[in-house]
């Protein structure tokens, strides 16, 4: 999973090996995404932020 935030726009992508499976550009930033996730799942905003958090220091899982 790729996550890139530039000037309030988020780009999300998913890959399998060297093949890009999909990309999405989302306006509003990560906070807007967290707010929407919290509303849709009826969970606290802090929990939604945790679900969206990405630790880039962890090595990716090997490709299948």
Protein backbone atom coordinates (compact mmCIF):
# COMPACT_ATOMS: atom_id res chain seq x y z
CA UNK A 1 0.00 0.00 0.00
CA UNK A 2 1.27 3.44 -0.92
CA UNK A 3 0.10 6.56 0.84
CA UNK A 4 1.21 10.02 -0.29
CA UNK A 5 -0.11 13.34 1.01
CA UNK A 6 0.64 16.51 -0.97
CA UNK A 7 -1.20 19.80 -0.44
CA UNK A 8 -4.29 18.18 1.08
CA UNK A 9 -4.65 15.52 -1.63
CA UNK A 10 -3.97 11.89 -0.82
CA UNK A 11 -2.83 9.30 -3.34
CA UNK A 12 -3.37 5.68 -2.39
CA UNK A 13 -2.04 2.76 -4.35
CA UNK A 14 -1.75 -0.99 -3.98
CA UNK A 15 0.77 -3.19 -5.69
CA UNK A 16 1.46 -6.86 -6.17
CA UNK A 17 5.15 -7.30 -7.00
CA UNK A 18 5.90 -4.75 -9.72
CA UNK A 19 2.26 -4.51 -10.86
CA UNK A 20 0.16 -1.57 -9.65
CA UNK A 21 -3.31 -2.96 -8.89
CA UNK A 22 -5.09 0.35 -8.33
CA UNK A 23 -4.62 3.99 -7.37
CA UNK A 24 -6.98 6.54 -5.87
CA UNK A 25 -6.64 10.29 -5.43
CA UNK A 26 -8.69 11.54 -2.49
CA UNK A 27 -9.30 15.20 -1.70
CA UNK A 28 -9.56 16.45 1.85
CA UNK A 29 -6.58 14.80 3.48
CA UNK A 30 -6.21 12.04 6.02
CA UNK A 31 -8.28 13.82 8.67
CA UNK A 32 -11.30 13.92 6.37
CA UNK A 33 -10.85 10.21 5.70
CA UNK A 34 -10.62 9.48 9.44
CA UNK A 35 -13.79 11.49 10.11
CA UNK A 36 -15.71 9.63 7.43
CA UNK A 37 -14.45 6.26 8.68
CA UNK A 38 -15.48 7.12 12.24
CA UNK A 39 -18.97 8.11 11.08
CA UNK A 40 -19.48 5.05 8.88
CA UNK A 41 -18.30 2.57 11.51
CA UNK A 42 -19.72 4.45 14.50
CA UNK A 43 -16.33 4.45 16.21
CA UNK A 44 -14.40 7.23 17.99
CA UNK A 45 -12.30 9.48 15.77
CA UNK A 46 -9.11 8.48 17.60
CA UNK A 47 -9.80 4.82 16.73
CA UNK A 48 -10.39 5.70 13.07
CA UNK A 49 -7.06 7.56 12.99
CA UNK A 50 -5.35 4.47 14.40
CA UNK A 51 -6.91 2.26 11.71
CA UNK A 52 -5.54 4.57 9.01
CA UNK A 53 -2.05 4.84 10.51
CA UNK A 54 0.80 3.40 8.47
CA UNK A 55 4.21 2.56 9.91
CA UNK A 56 6.69 3.04 7.07
CA UNK A 57 9.55 1.64 9.18
CA UNK A 58 8.18 -1.93 9.00
CA UNK A 59 9.40 -4.08 6.12
CA UNK A 60 6.62 -5.09 3.72
CA UNK A 61 5.40 -8.67 3.66
CA UNK A 62 6.88 -10.78 0.87
CA UNK A 63 4.89 -10.88 -2.36
CA UNK A 64 2.94 -14.05 -3.07
